[in-house]
Amino acid sequence: MQFVHRSAAVLCALLLVVAGCSGTDLAKHSPYPRETLDAGAANSADENGGSTDEGVPPGSVGTPVSAEFSGEKLRATDVCKLVDETVLRKHGTPAELTGNNFGECSNYMKDKAGKSLSVTLAFRSSSALYAKSDKRIEGLKLGENVLEGQACFVSGVFQDEPPMDLTAQISYKSENNCEIGRELLSAAIKRVKAGSALRTNPKGSLASVDPCRAPDPAVVEAAINASGSNVLEIPLGLPTCSWSSRERSLMLAFQQVAVAPRKLPGDKTVDVDLGGGVTGRKLDESGSAFPSCKIEWTHRDLGAGGAEVARLTTSGSKEVQYDRCETVTTVAKALVAKLPRG
């Protein structure tokens, strides 16, 4: 089998067998976002890091622009320590920082008038358009995605292929939400480069695991490659990876949740023994318009009801006949046996 690495943009555009792409889908809201390659307010090298310098640093294919942005380093980064609360206090009253997922941190604060101002920093899959940007923020290619007067995504690209970036998402009904995003992103990039937010992840934590390297390649091939075609492997940010063949897809996502998965009255999940004392919750949607089967399980208890969760999904069009739940169960059992334990 040959694993072919492709970007998330290729995945979303070409592979209908994947149920969706990671990140917030603001395109479902009105008005539609406007992709910009030039940050209008970043036309000079200022405290926000914007620059119009020519000769942007060459992009990186398969590797990040510097060692500080390697997957190993980013998985050992406390994203909440990248958030400069001095910047937040300039614009209002910060709330408590919330590390609500791997590679993300949010602050749901109020501005000086008491209006909602939500901030999220996240390492994520990037837009291929940003790789063409001639603007920079702290040396990284700069891209912006704007919902006029509602939200702004400001991104610094640290890897071209597959495209990856650090994004400041500002959800705020204001015309200066992109300015706030640039300030936060500039400070965050400086902290990544300085290594000031590095931490030691707990033993057995999924925070340290590359989801694309977690399953045995032979198990992935057996699960989705019935025709001998190439398997496309697509990392979707830090905690998610997808594999797709001509007929089927498989997606693995690691997540940190405030409430561990549990069976609720009326839900359609079925408990399944995954071995090693681990019980998964299986959801069979083989009868849906786009048939799929999903298994999720608690990998590590975080206390106070929280947990680290692993989630596997396989899907394919109705024309593709295979036992989706048997397939995803086989992969899950093999993965449970491989994942680190505390």
C-alpha atoms as a PDB file:
ATOM      1  CA  MET A   1       0.000   0.000   0.000  1.00  0.00           C
ATOM      2  CA  GLN A   2       1.111   3.531  -0.682  1.00  0.00           C
ATOM      3  CA  PHE A   3       0.072   6.291   1.713  1.00  0.00           C
ATOM      4  CA  VAL A   4      -0.149   9.620  -0.098  1.00  0.00           C
ATOM      5  CA  HIS A   5      -0.060  12.751   2.052  1.00  0.00           C
ATOM      6  CA  ARG A   6      -2.487  15.463   0.996  1.00  0.00           C
ATOM      7  CA  SER A   7      -3.709  18.668   2.509  1.00  0.00           C
ATOM      8  CA  ALA A   8      -6.996  19.227   4.272  1.00  0.00           C
ATOM      9  CA  ALA A   9      -8.017  21.498   1.400  1.00  0.00           C
ATOM     10  CA  VAL A  10      -7.692  18.593  -1.035  1.00  0.00           C
ATOM     11  CA  LEU A  11      -9.679  16.438   1.327  1.00  0.00           C
ATOM     12  CA  CYS A  12     -12.563  18.871   1.638  1.00  0.00           C
ATOM     13  CA  ALA A  13     -12.703  19.689  -2.041  1.00  0.00           C
ATOM     14  CA  LEU A  14     -12.312  16.267  -3.601  1.00  0.00           C
ATOM     15  CA  LEU A  15     -13.184  13.471  -1.203  1.00  0.00           C
ATOM     16  CA  LEU A  16     -16.881  13.150  -0.612  1.00  0.00           C
ATOM     17  CA  VAL A  17     -16.359  10.067   1.495  1.00  0.00           C
ATOM     18  CA  VAL A  18     -15.149  12.168   4.392  1.00  0.00           C
ATOM     19  CA  ALA A  19     -17.982  13.401   6.522  1.00  0.00           C
ATOM     20  CA  GLY A  20     -16.498  16.840   7.142  1.00  0.00           C
ATOM     21  CA  CYS A  21     -13.445  18.920   7.928  1.00  0.00           C
ATOM     22  CA  SER A  22     -12.216  20.083  11.260  1.00  0.00           C
ATOM     23  CA  GLY A  23     -12.756  23.517  12.672  1.00  0.00           C
ATOM     24  CA  THR A  24     -15.762  25.810  12.958  1.00  0.00           C
ATOM     25  CA  ASP A  25     -17.801  25.911   9.769  1.00  0.00           C
ATOM     26  CA  LEU A  26     -18.687  29.583   9.656  1.00  0.00           C
ATOM     27  CA  ALA A  27     -19.493  29.248   5.954  1.00  0.00           C
ATOM     28  CA  LYS A  28     -22.878  27.918   7.089  1.00  0.00           C
ATOM     29  CA  HIS A  29     -23.690  31.343   8.476  1.00  0.00           C
ATOM     30  CA  SER A  30     -24.639  34.503   6.623  1.00  0.00           C
ATOM     31  CA  PRO A  31     -22.878  36.496   5.306  1.00  0.00           C
ATOM     32  CA  TYR A  32     -20.265  34.186   3.860  1.00  0.00           C
ATOM     33  CA  PRO A  33     -16.670  34.709   4.944  1.00  0.00           C
ATOM     34  CA  ARG A  34     -14.309  36.710   2.802  1.00  0.00           C
ATOM     35  CA  GLU A  35     -10.873  35.148   2.356  1.00  0.00           C
ATOM     36  CA  THR A  36      -8.139  37.767   2.247  1.00  0.00           C
ATOM     37  CA  LEU A  37      -4.476  37.360   1.510  1.00  0.00           C
ATOM     38  CA  ASP A  38      -3.621  40.867   2.590  1.00  0.00           C
ATOM     39  CA  ALA A  39      -4.526  41.980   6.063  1.00  0.00           C
ATOM     40  CA  GLY A  40      -5.696  45.513   5.497  1.00  0.00           C
ATOM     41  CA  ALA A  41      -4.587  46.789   8.866  1.00  0.00           C
ATOM     42  CA  ALA A  42      -1.241  45.009   8.709  1.00  0.00           C
ATOM     43  CA  ASN A  43       0.380  47.117   6.038  1.00  0.00           C
ATOM     44  CA  SER A  44       3.425  47.946   8.058  1.00  0.00           C
ATOM     45  CA  ALA A  45       5.723  46.152  10.466  1.00  0.00           C
ATOM     46  CA  ASP A  46       4.179  47.226  13.754  1.00  0.00           C
ATOM     47  CA  GLU A  47       3.467  45.832  17.188  1.00  0.00           C
ATOM     48  CA  ASN A  48       0.922  43.477  15.654  1.00  0.00           C
ATOM     49  CA  GLY A  49       3.517  41.779  13.478  1.00  0.00           C
ATOM     50  CA  GLY A  50       2.058  42.696  10.057  1.00  0.00           C
ATOM     51  CA  SER A  51       4.508  43.382   7.247  1.00  0.00           C
ATOM     52  CA  THR A  52       4.579  44.060   3.524  1.00  0.00           C
ATOM     53  CA  ASP A  53       8.196  43.002   3.152  1.00  0.00           C
ATOM     54  CA  GLU A  54       8.934  41.270  -0.124  1.00  0.00           C
ATOM     55  CA  GLY A  55      10.644  37.906  -0.280  1.00  0.00           C
ATOM     56  CA  VAL A  56       8.584  36.014   2.288  1.00  0.00           C
ATOM     57  CA  PRO A  57      10.374  33.023   3.782  1.00  0.00           C
ATOM     58  CA  PRO A  58      10.171  29.951   1.553  1.00  0.00           C
ATOM     59  CA  GLY A  59       7.350  27.594   2.445  1.00  0.00           C
ATOM     60  CA  SER A  60       7.895  24.232   3.999  1.00  0.00           C
ATOM     61  CA  VAL A  61       6.675  21.030   2.376  1.00  0.00           C
ATOM     62  CA  GLY A  62       6.272  18.212   4.871  1.00  0.00           C
ATOM     63  CA  THR A  63       8.149  20.063   7.600  1.00  0.00           C
ATOM     64  CA  PRO A  64       7.398  23.278   9.512  1.00  0.00           C
ATOM     65  CA  VAL A  65       9.252  26.544   8.979  1.00  0.00           C
ATOM     66  CA  SER A  66      11.255  25.962  12.169  1.00  0.00           C
ATOM     67  CA  ALA A  67      11.762  23.310  14.842  1.00  0.00           C
ATOM     68  CA  GLU A  68       9.643  25.299  17.297  1.00  0.00           C
ATOM     69  CA  PHE A  69       6.600  24.448  15.161  1.00  0.00           C
ATOM     70  CA  SER A  70       7.239  20.711  14.901  1.00  0.00           C
ATOM     71  CA  GLY A  71       4.337  18.444  15.788  1.00  0.00           C
ATOM     72  CA  GLU A  72       6.262  17.111  18.771  1.00  0.00           C
ATOM     73  CA  LYS A  73       6.781  20.626  20.158  1.00  0.00           C
ATOM     74  CA  LEU A  74       3.223  21.769  19.474  1.00  0.00           C
ATOM     75  CA  ARG A  75       1.765  18.717  21.216  1.00  0.00           C
ATOM     76  CA  ALA A  76       3.847  19.684  24.239  1.00  0.00           C
ATOM     77  CA  THR A  77       2.563  23.276  24.147  1.00  0.00           C
ATOM     78  CA  ASP A  78      -0.005  24.601  26.601  1.00  0.00           C
ATOM     79  CA  VAL A  79      -2.046  26.728  24.210  1.00  0.00           C
ATOM     80  CA  CYS A  80      -3.599  28.678  27.088  1.00  0.00           C
ATOM     81  CA  LYS A  81      -0.105  29.926  27.941  1.00  0.00           C
ATOM     82  CA  LEU A  82       0.086  31.382  24.424  1.00  0.00           C
ATOM     83  CA  VAL A  83      -2.824  33.722  25.165  1.00  0.00           C
ATOM     84  CA  ASP A  84      -1.520  37.144  26.188  1.00  0.00           C
ATOM     85  CA  GLU A  85      -3.997  38.336  28.805  1.00  0.00           C
ATOM     86  CA  THR A  86      -2.472  41.810  28.643  1.00  0.00           C
ATOM     87  CA  VAL A  87      -3.952  42.070  25.145  1.00  0.00           C
ATOM     88  CA  LEU A  88      -7.313  40.817  26.409  1.00  0.00           C
ATOM     89  CA  ARG A  89      -7.379  43.389  29.217  1.00  0.00           C
ATOM     90  CA  LYS A  90      -6.839  46.180  26.665  1.00  0.00           C
ATOM     91  CA  HIS A  91     -10.221  45.293  25.193  1.00  0.00           C
ATOM     92  CA  GLY A  92     -12.286  44.305  28.218  1.00  0.00           C
ATOM     93  CA  THR A  93     -12.540  41.932  31.160  1.00  0.00           C
ATOM     94  CA  PRO A  94     -11.098  38.460  30.531  1.00  0.00           C
ATOM     95  CA  ALA A  95     -12.872  35.386  31.856  1.00  0.00           C
ATOM     96  CA  GLU A  96     -11.156  32.135  32.799  1.00  0.00           C
ATOM     97  CA  LEU A  97      -9.042  30.554  30.076  1.00  0.00           C
ATOM     98  CA  THR A  98     -10.548  27.279  28.870  1.00  0.00           C
ATOM     99  CA  GLY A  99      -8.440  24.545  27.267  1.00  0.00           C
ATOM    100  CA  ASN A 100     -11.484  22.932  25.698  1.00  0.00           C
ATOM    101  CA  ASN A 101      -9.662  20.659  23.270  1.00  0.00           C
ATOM    102  CA  PHE A 102      -6.180  19.537  22.291  1.00  0.00           C
ATOM    103  CA  GLY A 103      -4.351  22.384  20.579  1.00  0.00           C
ATOM    104  CA  GLU A 104      -6.974  24.991  21.512  1.00  0.00           C
ATOM    105  CA  CYS A 105      -7.687  27.558  24.201  1.00  0.00           C
ATOM    106  CA  SER A 106     -10.613  29.967  24.551  1.00  0.00           C
ATOM    107  CA  ASN A 107     -11.652  32.961  26.612  1.00  0.00           C
ATOM    108  CA  TYR A 108     -15.328  33.942  26.636  1.00  0.00           C
ATOM    109  CA  MET A 109     -14.945  37.480  27.947  1.00  0.00           C
ATOM    110  CA  LYS A 110     -16.747  40.818  27.878  1.00  0.00           C
ATOM    111  CA  ASP A 111     -15.586  44.040  26.268  1.00  0.00           C
ATOM    112  CA  LYS A 112     -15.498  47.328  28.163  1.00  0.00           C
ATOM    113  CA  ALA A 113     -19.187  47.879  27.423  1.00  0.00           C
ATOM    114  CA  GLY A 114     -20.160  44.434  28.677  1.00  0.00           C
ATOM    115  CA  LYS A 115     -20.622  43.015  25.185  1.00  0.00           C
ATOM    116  CA  SER A 116     -19.608  39.424  24.402  1.00  0.00           C
ATOM    117  CA  LEU A 117     -16.075  39.023  23.038  1.00  0.00           C
ATOM    118  CA  SER A 118     -14.971  35.420  22.461  1.00  0.00           C
ATOM    119  CA  VAL A 119     -11.364  34.533  21.691  1.00  0.00           C
ATOM    120  CA  THR A 120      -9.909  31.183  20.620  1.00  0.00           C
ATOM    121  CA  LEU A 121      -6.320  30.264  19.769  1.00  0.00           C
ATOM    122  CA  ALA A 122      -5.889  26.996  17.880  1.00  0.00           C
ATOM    123  CA  PHE A 123      -3.386  25.011  15.860  1.00  0.00           C
ATOM    124  CA  ARG A 124      -5.338  23.822  12.852  1.00  0.00           C
ATOM    125  CA  SER A 125      -5.349  22.814   9.214  1.00  0.00           C
ATOM    126  CA  SER A 126      -4.894  25.874   7.046  1.00  0.00           C
ATOM    127  CA  SER A 127      -6.268  27.278   3.815  1.00  0.00           C
ATOM    128  CA  ALA A 128      -4.089  26.603   0.787  1.00  0.00           C
ATOM    129  CA  LEU A 129      -4.771  30.218  -0.221  1.00  0.00           C
ATOM    130  CA  TYR A 130      -2.728  31.484   2.695  1.00  0.00           C
ATOM    131  CA  ALA A 131       0.408  29.810   1.316  1.00  0.00           C
ATOM    132  CA  LYS A 132       0.298  32.427  -1.467  1.00  0.00           C
ATOM    133  CA  SER A 133       0.150  35.364   0.914  1.00  0.00           C
ATOM    134  CA  ASP A 134       2.838  38.026   0.604  1.00  0.00           C
ATOM    135  CA  LYS A 135       2.049  39.401   4.072  1.00  0.00           C
ATOM    136  CA  ARG A 136       3.713  38.234   7.254  1.00  0.00           C
ATOM    137  CA  ILE A 137       3.051  38.149  10.952  1.00  0.00           C
ATOM    138  CA  GLU A 138       6.133  37.536  13.097  1.00  0.00           C
ATOM    139  CA  GLY A 139       7.795  35.950  10.065  1.00  0.00           C
ATOM    140  CA  LEU A 140       4.894  33.610   9.186  1.00  0.00           C
ATOM    141  CA  LYS A 141       2.631  33.969   6.162  1.00  0.00           C
ATOM    142  CA  LEU A 142      -0.493  35.844   7.178  1.00  0.00           C
ATOM    143  CA  GLY A 143      -4.056  35.081   6.130  1.00  0.00           C
ATOM    144  CA  GLU A 144      -7.429  36.336   7.303  1.00  0.00           C
ATOM    145  CA  ASN A 145     -10.983  35.078   7.022  1.00  0.00           C
ATOM    146  CA  VAL A 146     -13.609  37.691   7.825  1.00  0.00           C
ATOM    147  CA  LEU A 147     -17.292  37.667   8.687  1.00  0.00           C
ATOM    148  CA  GLU A 148     -17.957  41.379   8.443  1.00  0.00           C
ATOM    149  CA  GLY A 149     -18.761  42.836  11.844  1.00  0.00           C
ATOM    150  CA  GLN A 150     -19.138  39.383  13.437  1.00  0.00           C
ATOM    151  CA  ALA A 151     -15.900  37.422  13.495  1.00  0.00           C
ATOM    152  CA  CYS A 152     -12.351  37.324  12.210  1.00  0.00           C
ATOM    153  CA  PHE A 153      -9.873  34.472  11.838  1.00  0.00           C
ATOM    154  CA  VAL A 154      -6.242  35.635  11.728  1.00  0.00           C
ATOM    155  CA  SER A 155      -3.767  32.903  10.792  1.00  0.00           C
ATOM    156  CA  GLY A 156      -0.002  32.489  10.731  1.00  0.00           C
ATOM    157  CA  VAL A 157       1.037  29.605   8.448  1.00  0.00           C
ATOM    158  CA  PHE A 158       3.931  27.548   9.786  1.00  0.00           C
ATOM    159  CA  GLN A 159       3.755  24.697   7.261  1.00  0.00           C
ATOM    160  CA  ASP A 160       2.716  24.740   3.600  1.00  0.00           C
ATOM    161  CA  GLU A 161       2.067  21.061   2.861  1.00  0.00           C
ATOM    162  CA  PRO A 162      -0.002  19.833   4.476  1.00  0.00           C
ATOM    163  CA  PRO A 163      -1.012  23.414   5.329  1.00  0.00           C
ATOM    164  CA  MET A 164      -1.013  24.122   9.066  1.00  0.00           C
ATOM    165  CA  ASP A 165      -1.400  27.369  10.962  1.00  0.00           C
ATOM    166  CA  LEU A 166      -1.882  28.986  14.327  1.00  0.00           C
ATOM    167  CA  THR A 167      -5.157  30.896  14.253  1.00  0.00           C
ATOM    168  CA  ALA A 168      -6.672  33.539  16.495  1.00  0.00           C
ATOM    169  CA  GLN A 169     -10.455  33.434  16.150  1.00  0.00           C
ATOM    170  CA  ILE A 170     -12.241  36.553  17.385  1.00  0.00           C
ATOM    171  CA  SER A 171     -16.030  36.357  17.633  1.00  0.00           C
ATOM    172  CA  TYR A 172     -17.068  39.932  18.327  1.00  0.00           C
ATOM    173  CA  LYS A 173     -19.587  42.314  16.802  1.00  0.00           C
ATOM    174  CA  SER A 174     -17.065  45.023  16.048  1.00  0.00           C
ATOM    175  CA  GLU A 175     -15.079  46.385  13.153  1.00  0.00           C
ATOM    176  CA  ASN A 176     -11.785  45.908  15.009  1.00  0.00           C
ATOM    177  CA  ASN A 177     -12.038  42.145  15.613  1.00  0.00           C
ATOM    178  CA  CYS A 178      -9.217  41.480  13.122  1.00  0.00           C
ATOM    179  CA  GLU A 179      -6.999  44.004  14.897  1.00  0.00           C
ATOM    180  CA  ILE A 180      -7.509  42.136  18.171  1.00  0.00           C
ATOM    181  CA  GLY A 181      -6.752  38.878  16.382  1.00  0.00           C
ATOM    182  CA  ARG A 182      -3.476  40.188  14.994  1.00  0.00           C
ATOM    183  CA  GLU A 183      -2.381  41.412  18.428  1.00  0.00           C
ATOM    184  CA  LEU A 184      -3.122  38.040  20.037  1.00  0.00           C
ATOM    185  CA  LEU A 185      -1.575  36.026  17.225  1.00  0.00           C
ATOM    186  CA  SER A 186       1.596  38.107  17.192  1.00  0.00           C
ATOM    187  CA  ALA A 187       2.092  37.550  20.924  1.00  0.00           C
ATOM    188  CA  ALA A 188       1.309  33.832  20.606  1.00  0.00           C
ATOM    189  CA  ILE A 189       3.820  33.268  17.791  1.00  0.00           C
ATOM    190  CA  LYS A 190       6.527  34.974  19.848  1.00  0.00           C
ATOM    191  CA  ARG A 191       5.789  32.632  22.747  1.00  0.00           C
ATOM    192  CA  VAL A 192       5.919  29.547  20.509  1.00  0.00           C
ATOM    193  CA  LYS A 193       9.309  30.633  19.188  1.00  0.00           C
ATOM    194  CA  ALA A 194      10.565  31.311  22.715  1.00  0.00           C
ATOM    195  CA  GLY A 195       9.336  27.937  23.960  1.00  0.00           C
ATOM    196  CA  SER A 196       7.766  29.649  26.965  1.00  0.00           C
ATOM    197  CA  ALA A 197       4.528  27.630  26.829  1.00  0.00           C
ATOM    198  CA  LEU A 198       6.067  24.148  26.737  1.00  0.00           C
ATOM    199  CA  ARG A 199       4.873  21.584  29.277  1.00  0.00           C
ATOM    200  CA  THR A 200       5.337  17.917  30.120  1.00  0.00           C
ATOM    201  CA  ASN A 201       2.197  16.005  29.175  1.00  0.00           C
ATOM    202  CA  PRO A 202       0.942  13.428  31.689  1.00  0.00           C
ATOM    203  CA  LYS A 203       2.009   9.848  31.079  1.00  0.00           C
ATOM    204  CA  GLY A 204      -0.446   8.083  28.794  1.00  0.00           C
ATOM    205  CA  SER A 205      -2.090  11.294  27.594  1.00  0.00           C
ATOM    206  CA  LEU A 206      -3.425  11.501  24.042  1.00  0.00           C
ATOM    207  CA  ALA A 207      -2.013  15.036  23.963  1.00  0.00           C
ATOM    208  CA  SER A 208       1.370  13.531  23.025  1.00  0.00           C
ATOM    209  CA  VAL A 209       0.052  11.186  20.309  1.00  0.00           C
ATOM    210  CA  ASP A 210       0.139  11.938  16.571  1.00  0.00           C
ATOM    211  CA  PRO A 211      -3.206  10.545  15.340  1.00  0.00           C
ATOM    212  CA  CYS A 212      -1.764   9.849  11.887  1.00  0.00           C
ATOM    213  CA  ARG A 213       0.907   7.600  13.420  1.00  0.00           C
ATOM    214  CA  ALA A 214      -1.307   5.962  16.045  1.00  0.00           C
ATOM    215  CA  PRO A 215      -2.944   3.116  14.057  1.00  0.00           C
ATOM    216  CA  ASP A 216      -1.001   0.321  12.389  1.00  0.00           C
ATOM    217  CA  PRO A 217      -0.846   1.166   8.643  1.00  0.00           C
ATOM    218  CA  ALA A 218      -1.759  -2.424   7.780  1.00  0.00           C
ATOM    219  CA  VAL A 219      -4.917  -2.137   9.875  1.00  0.00           C
ATOM    220  CA  VAL A 220      -5.863   1.114   8.136  1.00  0.00           C
ATOM    221  CA  GLU A 221      -5.309  -0.442   4.718  1.00  0.00           C
ATOM    222  CA  ALA A 222      -7.404  -3.484   5.526  1.00  0.00           C
ATOM    223  CA  ALA A 223     -10.197  -1.236   6.779  1.00  0.00           C
ATOM    224  CA  ILE A 224     -10.619   1.089   3.828  1.00  0.00           C
ATOM    225  CA  ASN A 225      -8.657  -0.109   0.814  1.00  0.00           C
ATOM    226  CA  ALA A 226     -10.617  -2.802  -1.013  1.00  0.00           C
ATOM    227  CA  SER A 227      -9.424  -2.001  -4.530  1.00  0.00           C
ATOM    228  CA  GLY A 228      -5.664  -1.589  -4.094  1.00  0.00           C
ATOM    229  CA  SER A 229      -5.833   2.150  -4.820  1.00  0.00           C
ATOM    230  CA  ASN A 230      -3.676   4.691  -3.029  1.00  0.00           C
ATOM    231  CA  VAL A 231      -4.696   5.693   0.462  1.00  0.00           C
ATOM    232  CA  LEU A 232      -4.755   9.441   1.065  1.00  0.00           C
ATOM    233  CA  GLU A 233      -3.599  10.372   4.552  1.00  0.00           C
ATOM    234  CA  ILE A 234      -4.677  13.831   5.644  1.00  0.00           C
ATOM    235  CA  PRO A 235      -3.792  15.401   9.009  1.00  0.00           C
ATOM    236  CA  LEU A 236      -6.555  17.759  10.139  1.00  0.00           C
ATOM    237  CA  GLY A 237      -4.923  19.954  12.724  1.00  0.00           C
ATOM    238  CA  LEU A 238      -3.092  18.374  15.671  1.00  0.00           C
ATOM    239  CA  PRO A 239      -5.710  15.962  17.080  1.00  0.00           C
ATOM    240  CA  THR A 240      -7.345  14.511  13.946  1.00  0.00           C
ATOM    241  CA  CYS A 241      -6.291  12.401  10.967  1.00  0.00           C
ATOM    242  CA  SER A 242      -8.232  11.025   8.010  1.00  0.00           C
ATOM    243  CA  TRP A 243      -7.475   8.240   5.550  1.00  0.00           C
ATOM    244  CA  SER A 244      -9.416   7.859   2.323  1.00  0.00           C
ATOM    245  CA  SER A 245      -9.418   5.405  -0.545  1.00  0.00           C
ATOM    246  CA  ARG A 246     -11.576   5.382  -3.646  1.00  0.00           C
ATOM    247  CA  GLU A 247     -14.397   3.651  -1.780  1.00  0.00           C
ATOM    248  CA  ARG A 248     -14.148   4.367   1.937  1.00  0.00           C
ATOM    249  CA  SER A 249     -12.820   6.721   4.568  1.00  0.00           C
ATOM    250  CA  LEU A 250     -11.611   6.427   8.138  1.00  0.00           C
ATOM    251  CA  MET A 251     -11.202   9.295  10.582  1.00  0.00           C
ATOM    252  CA  LEU A 252      -9.513   9.282  13.989  1.00  0.00           C
ATOM    253  CA  ALA A 253      -9.999  12.187  16.380  1.00  0.00           C
ATOM    254  CA  PHE A 254      -8.605  12.756  19.850  1.00  0.00           C
ATOM    255  CA  GLN A 255     -10.552  15.127  22.049  1.00  0.00           C
ATOM    256  CA  GLN A 256     -10.469  16.529  25.548  1.00  0.00           C
ATOM    257  CA  VAL A 257     -14.018  16.904  26.871  1.00  0.00           C
ATOM    258  CA  ALA A 258     -15.565  18.327  30.017  1.00  0.00           C
ATOM    259  CA  VAL A 259     -18.046  15.442  30.254  1.00  0.00           C
ATOM    260  CA  ALA A 260     -16.962  11.873  29.525  1.00  0.00           C
ATOM    261  CA  PRO A 261     -19.052   9.931  26.976  1.00  0.00           C
ATOM    262  CA  ARG A 262     -21.876   8.022  28.613  1.00  0.00           C
ATOM    263  CA  LYS A 263     -25.056   6.365  27.522  1.00  0.00           C
ATOM    264  CA  LEU A 264     -28.077   8.629  27.845  1.00  0.00           C
ATOM    265  CA  PRO A 265     -31.757   7.644  27.859  1.00  0.00           C
ATOM    266  CA  GLY A 266     -33.025   7.235  24.326  1.00  0.00           C
ATOM    267  CA  ASP A 267     -29.669   7.347  22.562  1.00  0.00           C
ATOM    268  CA  LYS A 268     -28.940   4.746  19.907  1.00  0.00           C
ATOM    269  CA  THR A 269     -25.433   3.810  20.946  1.00  0.00           C
ATOM    270  CA  VAL A 270     -24.468   0.238  21.777  1.00  0.00           C
ATOM    271  CA  ASP A 271     -21.697  -0.739  24.185  1.00  0.00           C
ATOM    272  CA  VAL A 272     -18.866  -2.744  22.643  1.00  0.00           C
ATOM    273  CA  ASP A 273     -15.934  -4.452  24.369  1.00  0.00           C
ATOM    274  CA  LEU A 274     -12.693  -3.130  22.868  1.00  0.00           C
ATOM    275  CA  GLY A 275     -10.384  -5.207  25.061  1.00  0.00           C
ATOM    276  CA  GLY A 276      -8.060  -4.185  27.855  1.00  0.00           C
ATOM    277  CA  GLY A 277     -10.989  -3.260  30.064  1.00  0.00           C
ATOM    278  CA  VAL A 278     -12.121  -0.546  27.620  1.00  0.00           C
ATOM    279  CA  THR A 279     -15.773  -0.216  26.618  1.00  0.00           C
ATOM    280  CA  GLY A 280     -16.670   1.798  23.543  1.00  0.00           C
ATOM    281  CA  ARG A 281     -19.952   3.356  22.480  1.00  0.00           C
ATOM    282  CA  LYS A 282     -20.895   2.418  18.926  1.00  0.00           C
ATOM    283  CA  LEU A 283     -23.324   4.402  16.786  1.00  0.00           C
ATOM    284  CA  ASP A 284     -24.509   2.611  13.649  1.00  0.00           C
ATOM    285  CA  GLU A 285     -25.723   5.020  10.967  1.00  0.00           C
ATOM    286  CA  SER A 286     -25.488   2.555   8.095  1.00  0.00           C
ATOM    287  CA  GLY A 287     -29.031   3.410   7.083  1.00  0.00           C
ATOM    288  CA  SER A 288     -28.407   7.138   6.688  1.00  0.00           C
ATOM    289  CA  ALA A 289     -28.008   9.067   3.440  1.00  0.00           C
ATOM    290  CA  PHE A 290     -24.237   8.791   3.823  1.00  0.00           C
ATOM    291  CA  PRO A 291     -23.761   5.511   5.734  1.00  0.00           C
ATOM    292  CA  SER A 292     -21.245   5.509   8.578  1.00  0.00           C
ATOM    293  CA  CYS A 293     -20.400   3.876  11.877  1.00  0.00           C
ATOM    294  CA  LYS A 294     -18.664   5.542  14.810  1.00  0.00           C
ATOM    295  CA  ILE A 295     -17.043   4.268  17.992  1.00  0.00           C
ATOM    296  CA  GLU A 296     -15.822   6.482  20.816  1.00  0.00           C
ATOM    297  CA  TRP A 297     -14.300   5.601  24.149  1.00  0.00           C
ATOM    298  CA  THR A 298     -12.723   7.199  27.183  1.00  0.00           C
ATOM    299  CA  HIS A 299      -8.961   6.836  27.026  1.00  0.00           C
ATOM    300  CA  ARG A 300      -8.080   8.724  30.192  1.00  0.00           C
ATOM    301  CA  ASP A 301     -10.140  10.034  33.089  1.00  0.00           C
ATOM    302  CA  LEU A 302      -9.359  13.674  33.906  1.00  0.00           C
ATOM    303  CA  GLY A 303     -11.415  13.883  37.082  1.00  0.00           C
ATOM    304  CA  ALA A 304     -14.389  16.178  37.739  1.00  0.00           C
ATOM    305  CA  GLY A 305     -16.241  14.364  34.947  1.00  0.00           C
ATOM    306  CA  GLY A 306     -13.759  15.267  32.205  1.00  0.00           C
ATOM    307  CA  ALA A 307     -11.953  12.829  29.949  1.00  0.00           C
ATOM    308  CA  GLU A 308      -9.649  12.307  27.015  1.00  0.00           C
ATOM    309  CA  VAL A 309     -11.656  10.623  24.281  1.00  0.00           C
ATOM    310  CA  ALA A 310     -10.745   8.760  21.104  1.00  0.00           C
ATOM    311  CA  ARG A 311     -13.262   8.629  18.275  1.00  0.00           C
ATOM    312  CA  LEU A 312     -13.140   6.527  15.090  1.00  0.00           C
ATOM    313  CA  THR A 313     -15.535   6.884  12.165  1.00  0.00           C
ATOM    314  CA  THR A 314     -15.724   5.015   8.881  1.00  0.00           C
ATOM    315  CA  SER A 315     -17.988   6.035   6.028  1.00  0.00           C
ATOM    316  CA  GLY A 316     -18.669   5.519   2.353  1.00  0.00           C
ATOM    317  CA  SER A 317     -21.444   6.204  -0.126  1.00  0.00           C
ATOM    318  CA  LYS A 318     -24.507   3.950  -0.279  1.00  0.00           C
ATOM    319  CA  GLU A 319     -23.114   2.295  -3.390  1.00  0.00           C
ATOM    320  CA  VAL A 320     -20.137   1.012  -1.392  1.00  0.00           C
ATOM    321  CA  GLN A 321     -21.149  -2.199   0.347  1.00  0.00           C
ATOM    322  CA  TYR A 322     -19.185  -3.148   3.473  1.00  0.00           C
ATOM    323  CA  ASP A 323     -19.882  -3.737   7.148  1.00  0.00           C
ATOM    324  CA  ARG A 324     -19.001  -0.338   8.533  1.00  0.00           C
ATOM    325  CA  CYS A 325     -19.464  -1.212  12.194  1.00  0.00           C
ATOM    326  CA  GLU A 326     -17.433  -4.415  11.987  1.00  0.00           C
ATOM    327  CA  THR A 327     -14.700  -2.469  10.201  1.00  0.00           C
ATOM    328  CA  VAL A 328     -14.487   0.375  12.707  1.00  0.00           C
ATOM    329  CA  THR A 329     -14.670  -2.052  15.646  1.00  0.00           C
ATOM    330  CA  THR A 330     -11.683  -3.983  14.300  1.00  0.00           C
ATOM    331  CA  VAL A 331      -9.659  -0.782  13.961  1.00  0.00           C
ATOM    332  CA  ALA A 332     -10.704   0.416  17.420  1.00  0.00           C
ATOM    333  CA  LYS A 333      -9.642  -2.838  19.103  1.00  0.00           C
ATOM    334  CA  ALA A 334      -6.231  -2.696  17.433  1.00  0.00           C
ATOM    335  CA  LEU A 335      -5.821   0.970  18.368  1.00  0.00           C
ATOM    336  CA  VAL A 336      -6.784   0.501  22.024  1.00  0.00           C
ATOM    337  CA  ALA A 337      -4.005  -2.061  22.322  1.00  0.00           C
ATOM    338  CA  LYS A 338      -1.448   0.415  20.895  1.00  0.00           C
ATOM    339  CA  LEU A 339      -2.314   3.664  22.645  1.00  0.00           C
ATOM    340  CA  PRO A 340      -0.144   4.654  25.630  1.00  0.00           C
ATOM    341  CA  ARG A 341      -1.413   4.011  29.121  1.00  0.00           C
ATOM    342  CA  GLY A 342      -0.730   5.955  32.272  1.00  0.00           C
END
